[in-house]
């Protein structure tokens, strides 16, 4: 089963994307750079999250994630969230 990366970004938009995928009943895999131990000690501010879906769910998942979480963070001095 091939998995496709559809999102890379910070915690808040990642959690919104995750909930939207769950509601649409699309299986996903959420991964972070450092993991739970790092987050418990340092907080989620420095953590990046990655969401993967099955290849057959890619098109539908991208539309859902884009709809629910697409915004720019330039006004707050940050990077754009990435929809791959």
PDB file of N, CA and C in Angstrom:
ATOM      1  N   UNK A   1       0.847  -1.181   0.000  1.00  0.00           N
ATOM      2  CA  UNK A   1       0.000   0.000   0.000  1.00  0.00           C
ATOM      3  C   UNK A   1       0.891   1.243   0.000  1.00  0.00           C
ATOM      4  N   UNK A   2       0.749   2.094  -0.999  1.00  0.00           N
ATOM      5  CA  UNK A   2       1.539   3.317  -1.111  1.00  0.00           C
ATOM      6  C   UNK A   2       0.877   4.437  -0.322  1.00  0.00           C
ATOM      7  N   UNK A   3       1.702   5.167   0.418  1.00  0.00           N
ATOM      8  CA  UNK A   3       1.207   6.309   1.182  1.00  0.00           C
ATOM      9  C   UNK A   3       1.757   7.591   0.571  1.00  0.00           C
ATOM     10  N   UNK A   4       0.949   8.659   0.624  1.00  0.00           N
ATOM     11  CA  UNK A   4       1.300   9.923   0.001  1.00  0.00           C
ATOM     12  C   UNK A   4       1.257  11.021   1.053  1.00  0.00           C
ATOM     13  N   UNK A   5       2.281  11.859   1.083  1.00  0.00           N
ATOM     14  CA  UNK A   5       2.321  13.002   1.987  1.00  0.00           C
ATOM     15  C   UNK A   5       1.406  14.096   1.456  1.00  0.00           C
ATOM     16  N   UNK A   6       0.429  14.525   2.266  1.00  0.00           N
ATOM     17  CA  UNK A   6      -0.491  15.575   1.810  1.00  0.00           C
ATOM     18  C   UNK A   6      -0.402  16.843   2.639  1.00  0.00           C
ATOM     19  N   UNK A   7       0.259  16.792   3.804  1.00  0.00           N
ATOM     20  CA  UNK A   7       0.347  17.972   4.650  1.00  0.00           C
ATOM     21  C   UNK A   7       1.647  17.965   5.435  1.00  0.00           C
ATOM     22  N   UNK A   8       2.241  19.158   5.579  1.00  0.00           N
ATOM     23  CA  UNK A   8       3.394  19.359   6.443  1.00  0.00           C
ATOM     24  C   UNK A   8       3.219  20.720   7.083  1.00  0.00           C
ATOM     25  N   UNK A   9       3.227  20.785   8.406  1.00  0.00           N
ATOM     26  CA  UNK A   9       3.046  22.072   9.062  1.00  0.00           C
ATOM     27  C   UNK A   9       3.001  21.948  10.569  1.00  0.00           C
ATOM     28  N   UNK A  10       2.524  22.987  11.214  1.00  0.00           N
ATOM     29  CA  UNK A  10       2.488  23.087  12.669  1.00  0.00           C
ATOM     30  C   UNK A  10       1.297  22.341  13.265  1.00  0.00           C
ATOM     31  N   UNK A  11       1.236  22.324  14.588  1.00  0.00           N
ATOM     32  CA  UNK A  11       0.271  21.505  15.311  1.00  0.00           C
ATOM     33  C   UNK A  11      -1.185  21.887  15.050  1.00  0.00           C
ATOM     34  N   UNK A  12      -1.540  23.150  15.178  1.00  0.00           N
ATOM     35  CA  UNK A  12      -2.956  23.541  15.063  1.00  0.00           C
ATOM     36  C   UNK A  12      -3.560  23.136  13.716  1.00  0.00           C
ATOM     37  N   UNK A  13      -2.949  23.523  12.590  1.00  0.00           N
ATOM     38  CA  UNK A  13      -3.539  23.102  11.316  1.00  0.00           C
ATOM     39  C   UNK A  13      -3.482  21.593  11.108  1.00  0.00           C
ATOM     40  N   UNK A  14      -2.456  20.938  11.647  1.00  0.00           N
ATOM     41  CA  UNK A  14      -2.368  19.478  11.522  1.00  0.00           C
ATOM     42  C   UNK A  14      -3.527  18.803  12.242  1.00  0.00           C
ATOM     43  N   UNK A  15      -3.881  19.305  13.428  1.00  0.00           N
ATOM     44  CA  UNK A  15      -4.989  18.717  14.182  1.00  0.00           C
ATOM     45  C   UNK A  15      -6.324  18.976  13.485  1.00  0.00           C
ATOM     46  N   UNK A  16      -6.471  20.152  12.872  1.00  0.00           N
ATOM     47  CA  UNK A  16      -7.691  20.446  12.122  1.00  0.00           C
ATOM     48  C   UNK A  16      -7.808  19.517  10.917  1.00  0.00           C
ATOM     49  N   UNK A  17      -6.690  19.300  10.219  1.00  0.00           N
ATOM     50  CA  UNK A  17      -6.691  18.401   9.063  1.00  0.00           C
ATOM     51  C   UNK A  17      -7.009  16.979   9.496  1.00  0.00           C
ATOM     52  N   UNK A  18      -6.429  16.551  10.602  1.00  0.00           N
ATOM     53  CA  UNK A  18      -6.654  15.207  11.140  1.00  0.00           C
ATOM     54  C   UNK A  18      -8.135  14.988  11.441  1.00  0.00           C
ATOM     55  N   UNK A  19      -8.750  15.948  12.107  1.00  0.00           N
ATOM     56  CA  UNK A  19     -10.172  15.829  12.443  1.00  0.00           C
ATOM     57  C   UNK A  19     -11.042  15.792  11.195  1.00  0.00           C
ATOM     58  N   UNK A  20     -10.694  16.597  10.196  1.00  0.00           N
ATOM     59  CA  UNK A  20     -11.463  16.604   8.950  1.00  0.00           C
ATOM     60  C   UNK A  20     -11.354  15.263   8.236  1.00  0.00           C
ATOM     61  N   UNK A  21     -10.164  14.672   8.239  1.00  0.00           N
ATOM     62  CA  UNK A  21      -9.986  13.360   7.609  1.00  0.00           C
ATOM     63  C   UNK A  21     -10.740  12.278   8.363  1.00  0.00           C
ATOM     64  N   UNK A  22     -10.728  12.355   9.692  1.00  0.00           N
ATOM     65  CA  UNK A  22     -11.479  11.387  10.499  1.00  0.00           C
ATOM     66  C   UNK A  22     -12.972  11.475  10.201  1.00  0.00           C
ATOM     67  N   UNK A  23     -13.476  12.695  10.112  1.00  0.00           N
ATOM     68  CA  UNK A  23     -14.899  12.898   9.836  1.00  0.00           C
ATOM     69  C   UNK A  23     -15.281  12.340   8.462  1.00  0.00           C
ATOM     70  N   UNK A  24     -14.362  12.445   7.505  1.00  0.00           N
ATOM     71  CA  UNK A  24     -14.613  11.926   6.155  1.00  0.00           C
ATOM     72  C   UNK A  24     -14.305  10.430   6.057  1.00  0.00           C
ATOM     73  N   UNK A  25     -13.862   9.850   7.169  1.00  0.00           N
ATOM     74  CA  UNK A  25     -13.532   8.414   7.226  1.00  0.00           C
ATOM     75  C   UNK A  25     -12.413   8.034   6.257  1.00  0.00           C
ATOM     76  N   UNK A  26     -11.435   8.931   6.144  1.00  0.00           N
ATOM     77  CA  UNK A  26     -10.257   8.662   5.327  1.00  0.00           C
ATOM     78  C   UNK A  26      -9.123   8.251   6.265  1.00  0.00           C
ATOM     79  N   UNK A  27      -8.600   7.039   6.100  1.00  0.00           N
ATOM     80  CA  UNK A  27      -7.482   6.613   6.938  1.00  0.00           C
ATOM     81  C   UNK A  27      -6.253   7.499   6.686  1.00  0.00           C
ATOM     82  N   UNK A  28      -5.519   7.803   7.728  1.00  0.00           N
ATOM     83  CA  UNK A  28      -4.353   8.664   7.610  1.00  0.00           C
ATOM     84  C   UNK A  28      -3.278   8.193   8.587  1.00  0.00           C
ATOM     85  N   UNK A  29      -2.085   8.715   8.402  1.00  0.00           N
ATOM     86  CA  UNK A  29      -0.986   8.463   9.316  1.00  0.00           C
ATOM     87  C   UNK A  29      -0.396   9.819   9.659  1.00  0.00           C
ATOM     88  N   UNK A  30      -0.412  10.170  10.939  1.00  0.00           N
ATOM     89  CA  UNK A  30       0.129  11.439  11.424  1.00  0.00           C
ATOM     90  C   UNK A  30       1.483  11.169  12.048  1.00  0.00           C
ATOM     91  N   UNK A  31       2.492  11.900  11.598  1.00  0.00           N
ATOM     92  CA  UNK A  31       3.847  11.740  12.111  1.00  0.00           C
ATOM     93  C   UNK A  31       4.399  13.103  12.499  1.00  0.00           C
ATOM     94  N   UNK A  32       5.268  13.118  13.482  1.00  0.00           N
ATOM     95  CA  UNK A  32       5.937  14.363  13.854  1.00  0.00           C
ATOM     96  C   UNK A  32       7.440  14.143  13.829  1.00  0.00           C
ATOM     97  N   UNK A  33       8.191  15.239  13.790  1.00  0.00           N
ATOM     98  CA  UNK A  33       9.648  15.140  13.719  1.00  0.00           C
ATOM     99  C   UNK A  33      10.251  14.494  14.961  1.00  0.00           C
ATOM    100  N   UNK A  34       9.850  14.964  16.121  1.00  0.00           N
ATOM    101  CA  UNK A  34      10.528  14.574  17.348  1.00  0.00           C
ATOM    102  C   UNK A  34       9.746  13.616  18.233  1.00  0.00           C
ATOM    103  N   UNK A  35       8.438  13.612  18.162  1.00  0.00           N
ATOM    104  CA  UNK A  35       7.634  12.689  18.945  1.00  0.00           C
ATOM    105  C   UNK A  35       7.121  13.254  20.256  1.00  0.00           C
ATOM    106  N   UNK A  36       6.338  12.441  20.945  1.00  0.00           N
ATOM    107  CA  UNK A  36       5.636  12.860  22.166  1.00  0.00           C
ATOM    108  C   UNK A  36       6.574  13.318  23.287  1.00  0.00           C
ATOM    109  N   UNK A  37       7.691  12.628  23.483  1.00  0.00           N
ATOM    110  CA  UNK A  37       8.625  13.004  24.550  1.00  0.00           C
ATOM    111  C   UNK A  37       9.137  14.417  24.382  1.00  0.00           C
ATOM    112  N   UNK A  38       9.472  14.779  23.176  1.00  0.00           N
ATOM    113  CA  UNK A  38       9.945  16.127  22.886  1.00  0.00           C
ATOM    114  C   UNK A  38       8.851  17.151  23.165  1.00  0.00           C
ATOM    115  N   UNK A  39       7.634  16.840  22.710  1.00  0.00           N
ATOM    116  CA  UNK A  39       6.513  17.767  22.889  1.00  0.00           C
ATOM    117  C   UNK A  39       6.215  17.976  24.367  1.00  0.00           C
ATOM    118  N   UNK A  40       6.259  16.912  25.151  1.00  0.00           N
ATOM    119  CA  UNK A  40       6.000  17.031  26.585  1.00  0.00           C
ATOM    120  C   UNK A  40       7.028  17.920  27.264  1.00  0.00           C
ATOM    121  N   UNK A  41       8.253  17.894  26.826  1.00  0.00           N
ATOM    122  CA  UNK A  41       9.315  18.692  27.450  1.00  0.00           C
ATOM    123  C   UNK A  41       9.409  20.098  26.873  1.00  0.00           C
ATOM    124  N   UNK A  42       9.362  20.220  25.563  1.00  0.00           N
ATOM    125  CA  UNK A  42       9.611  21.506  24.912  1.00  0.00           C
ATOM    126  C   UNK A  42       8.348  22.186  24.391  1.00  0.00           C
ATOM    127  N   UNK A  43       7.254  21.466  24.308  1.00  0.00           N
ATOM    128  CA  UNK A  43       6.031  22.018  23.736  1.00  0.00           C
ATOM    129  C   UNK A  43       5.978  21.783  22.239  1.00  0.00           C
ATOM    130  N   UNK A  44       4.831  22.061  21.673  1.00  0.00           N
ATOM    131  CA  UNK A  44       4.604  21.767  20.260  1.00  0.00           C
ATOM    132  C   UNK A  44       5.053  22.880  19.325  1.00  0.00           C
ATOM    133  N   UNK A  45       5.509  23.987  19.875  1.00  0.00           N
ATOM    134  CA  UNK A  45       5.866  25.143  19.053  1.00  0.00           C
ATOM    135  C   UNK A  45       6.930  24.821  18.009  1.00  0.00           C
ATOM    136  N   UNK A  46       7.897  23.991  18.349  1.00  0.00           N
ATOM    137  CA  UNK A  46       8.996  23.692  17.439  1.00  0.00           C
ATOM    138  C   UNK A  46       8.786  22.423  16.624  1.00  0.00           C
ATOM    139  N   UNK A  47       7.655  21.786  16.797  1.00  0.00           N
ATOM    140  CA  UNK A  47       7.395  20.503  16.157  1.00  0.00           C
ATOM    141  C   UNK A  47       6.708  20.679  14.803  1.00  0.00           C
ATOM    142  N   UNK A  48       7.117  19.918  13.824  1.00  0.00           N
ATOM    143  CA  UNK A  48       6.435  19.847  12.530  1.00  0.00           C
ATOM    144  C   UNK A  48       5.690  18.525  12.443  1.00  0.00           C
ATOM    145  N   UNK A  49       4.529  18.564  11.819  1.00  0.00           N
ATOM    146  CA  UNK A  49       3.680  17.382  11.665  1.00  0.00           C
ATOM    147  C   UNK A  49       3.526  17.066  10.185  1.00  0.00           C
ATOM    148  N   UNK A  50       3.371  15.778   9.889  1.00  0.00           N
ATOM    149  CA  UNK A  50       3.219  15.286   8.523  1.00  0.00           C
ATOM    150  C   UNK A  50       2.017  14.356   8.492  1.00  0.00           C
ATOM    151  N   UNK A  51       1.161  14.539   7.494  1.00  0.00           N
ATOM    152  CA  UNK A  51      -0.002  13.670   7.349  1.00  0.00           C
ATOM    153  C   UNK A  51       0.105  12.936   6.012  1.00  0.00           C
ATOM    154  N   UNK A  52      -0.011  11.619   6.100  1.00  0.00           N
ATOM    155  CA  UNK A  52       0.038  10.743   4.933  1.00  0.00           C
ATOM    156  C   UNK A  52      -1.313  10.050   4.779  1.00  0.00           C
ATOM    157  N   UNK A  53      -1.703   9.790   3.536  1.00  0.00           N
ATOM    158  CA  UNK A  53      -2.915   9.016   3.243  1.00  0.00           C
ATOM    159  C   UNK A  53      -2.578   7.974   2.186  1.00  0.00           C
ATOM    160  N   UNK A  54      -3.501   7.019   2.015  1.00  0.00           N
ATOM    161  CA  UNK A  54      -3.330   6.028   0.958  1.00  0.00           C
ATOM    162  C   UNK A  54      -3.428   6.721  -0.400  1.00  0.00           C
ATOM    163  N   UNK A  55      -2.715   6.189  -1.354  1.00  0.00           N
ATOM    164  CA  UNK A  55      -2.710   6.763  -2.707  1.00  0.00           C
ATOM    165  C   UNK A  55      -4.124   6.878  -3.273  1.00  0.00           C
ATOM    166  N   UNK A  56      -4.952   5.876  -3.034  1.00  0.00           N
ATOM    167  CA  UNK A  56      -6.317   5.912  -3.578  1.00  0.00           C
ATOM    168  C   UNK A  56      -7.202   6.979  -2.922  1.00  0.00           C
ATOM    169  N   UNK A  57      -6.792   7.494  -1.751  1.00  0.00           N
ATOM    170  CA  UNK A  57      -7.547   8.539  -1.056  1.00  0.00           C
ATOM    171  C   UNK A  57      -6.956   9.931  -1.260  1.00  0.00           C
ATOM    172  N   UNK A  58      -5.873  10.020  -2.017  1.00  0.00           N
ATOM    173  CA  UNK A  58      -5.123  11.270  -2.127  1.00  0.00           C
ATOM    174  C   UNK A  58      -5.959  12.455  -2.603  1.00  0.00           C
ATOM    175  N   UNK A  59      -6.670  12.309  -3.693  1.00  0.00           N
ATOM    176  CA  UNK A  59      -7.411  13.439  -4.271  1.00  0.00           C
ATOM    177  C   UNK A  59      -8.468  13.964  -3.292  1.00  0.00           C
ATOM    178  N   UNK A  60      -9.255  13.079  -2.742  1.00  0.00           N
ATOM    179  CA  UNK A  60     -10.294  13.480  -1.793  1.00  0.00           C
ATOM    180  C   UNK A  60      -9.679  14.101  -0.537  1.00  0.00           C
ATOM    181  N   UNK A  61      -8.604  13.504  -0.040  1.00  0.00           N
ATOM    182  CA  UNK A  61      -7.950  14.009   1.171  1.00  0.00           C
ATOM    183  C   UNK A  61      -7.365  15.396   0.948  1.00  0.00           C
ATOM    184  N   UNK A  62      -6.747  15.622  -0.191  1.00  0.00           N
ATOM    185  CA  UNK A  62      -6.175  16.948  -0.483  1.00  0.00           C
ATOM    186  C   UNK A  62      -7.261  18.024  -0.493  1.00  0.00           C
ATOM    187  N   UNK A  63      -8.394  17.729  -1.107  1.00  0.00           N
ATOM    188  CA  UNK A  63      -9.493  18.703  -1.146  1.00  0.00           C
ATOM    189  C   UNK A  63      -9.988  19.028   0.259  1.00  0.00           C
ATOM    190  N   UNK A  64     -10.112  18.013   1.086  1.00  0.00           N
ATOM    191  CA  UNK A  64     -10.593  18.217   2.460  1.00  0.00           C
ATOM    192  C   UNK A  64      -9.591  19.025   3.266  1.00  0.00           C
ATOM    193  N   UNK A  65      -8.336  18.633   3.214  1.00  0.00           N
ATOM    194  CA  UNK A  65      -7.303  19.316   3.994  1.00  0.00           C
ATOM    195  C   UNK A  65      -7.167  20.765   3.539  1.00  0.00           C
ATOM    196  N   UNK A  66      -7.155  20.998   2.251  1.00  0.00           N
ATOM    197  CA  UNK A  66      -7.053  22.350   1.718  1.00  0.00           C
ATOM    198  C   UNK A  66      -8.225  23.211   2.177  1.00  0.00           C
ATOM    199  N   UNK A  67      -9.407  22.663   2.133  1.00  0.00           N
ATOM    200  CA  UNK A  67     -10.615  23.406   2.507  1.00  0.00           C
ATOM    201  C   UNK A  67     -10.602  23.818   3.970  1.00  0.00           C
ATOM    202  N   UNK A  68     -10.203  22.920   4.840  1.00  0.00           N
ATOM    203  CA  UNK A  68     -10.269  23.190   6.267  1.00  0.00           C
ATOM    204  C   UNK A  68      -9.075  23.931   6.832  1.00  0.00           C
ATOM    205  N   UNK A  69      -7.911  23.831   6.217  1.00  0.00           N
ATOM    206  CA  UNK A  69      -6.715  24.350   6.866  1.00  0.00           C
ATOM    207  C   UNK A  69      -5.871  25.296   6.035  1.00  0.00           C
ATOM    208  N   UNK A  70      -6.333  25.736   4.906  1.00  0.00           N
ATOM    209  CA  UNK A  70      -5.484  26.572   4.064  1.00  0.00           C
ATOM    210  C   UNK A  70      -5.520  28.035   4.509  1.00  0.00           C
ATOM    211  N   UNK A  71      -4.402  28.478   5.058  1.00  0.00           N
ATOM    212  CA  UNK A  71      -4.221  29.890   5.365  1.00  0.00           C
ATOM    213  C   UNK A  71      -2.741  30.197   5.364  1.00  0.00           C
ATOM    214  N   UNK A  72      -2.421  31.466   5.289  1.00  0.00           N
ATOM    215  CA  UNK A  72      -1.020  31.881   5.313  1.00  0.00           C
ATOM    216  C   UNK A  72      -0.721  32.473   6.678  1.00  0.00           C
ATOM    217  N   UNK A  73       0.521  32.307   7.115  1.00  0.00           N
ATOM    218  CA  UNK A  73       0.908  32.814   8.426  1.00  0.00           C
ATOM    219  C   UNK A  73       1.870  33.988   8.296  1.00  0.00           C
ATOM    220  N   UNK A  74       1.953  34.587   7.122  1.00  0.00           N
ATOM    221  CA  UNK A  74       2.880  35.695   6.895  1.00  0.00           C
ATOM    222  C   UNK A  74       2.629  36.842   7.853  1.00  0.00           C
ATOM    223  N   UNK A  75       1.376  37.140   8.151  1.00  0.00           N
ATOM    224  CA  UNK A  75       1.042  38.250   9.031  1.00  0.00           C
ATOM    225  C   UNK A  75       1.578  38.052  10.442  1.00  0.00           C
ATOM    226  N   UNK A  76       1.824  36.807  10.807  1.00  0.00           N
ATOM    227  CA  UNK A  76       2.341  36.521  12.147  1.00  0.00           C
ATOM    228  C   UNK A  76       3.843  36.232  12.104  1.00  0.00           C
ATOM    229  N   UNK A  77       4.472  36.492  10.968  1.00  0.00           N
ATOM    230  CA  UNK A  77       5.912  36.312  10.854  1.00  0.00           C
ATOM    231  C   UNK A  77       6.363  34.881  10.678  1.00  0.00           C
ATOM    232  N   UNK A  78       5.430  33.969  10.352  1.00  0.00           N
ATOM    233  CA  UNK A  78       5.789  32.557  10.226  1.00  0.00           C
ATOM    234  C   UNK A  78       5.821  32.107   8.791  1.00  0.00           C
ATOM    235  N   UNK A  79       6.030  30.844   8.613  1.00  0.00           N
ATOM    236  CA  UNK A  79       6.051  30.220   7.286  1.00  0.00           C
ATOM    237  C   UNK A  79       4.632  29.836   6.893  1.00  0.00           C
ATOM    238  N   UNK A  80       4.439  29.647   5.598  1.00  0.00           N
ATOM    239  CA  UNK A  80       3.155  29.135   5.118  1.00  0.00           C
ATOM    240  C   UNK A  80       3.037  27.663   5.493  1.00  0.00           C
ATOM    241  N   UNK A  81       1.820  27.226   5.751  1.00  0.00           N
ATOM    242  CA  UNK A  81       1.597  25.801   5.916  1.00  0.00           C
ATOM    243  C   UNK A  81       1.740  25.165   4.547  1.00  0.00           C
ATOM    244  N   UNK A  82       2.154  23.952   4.496  1.00  0.00           N
ATOM    245  CA  UNK A  82       2.468  23.321   3.221  1.00  0.00           C
ATOM    246  C   UNK A  82       1.465  22.229   2.886  1.00  0.00           C
ATOM    247  N   UNK A  83       0.848  22.352   1.740  1.00  0.00           N
ATOM    248  CA  UNK A  83      -0.028  21.315   1.216  1.00  0.00           C
ATOM    249  C   UNK A  83       0.669  20.760   0.007  1.00  0.00           C
ATOM    250  N   UNK A  84       1.136  19.548   0.097  1.00  0.00           N
ATOM    251  CA  UNK A  84       1.971  18.973  -0.952  1.00  0.00           C
ATOM    252  C   UNK A  84       1.160  18.302  -2.033  1.00  0.00           C
TER     253      UNK A  84
END
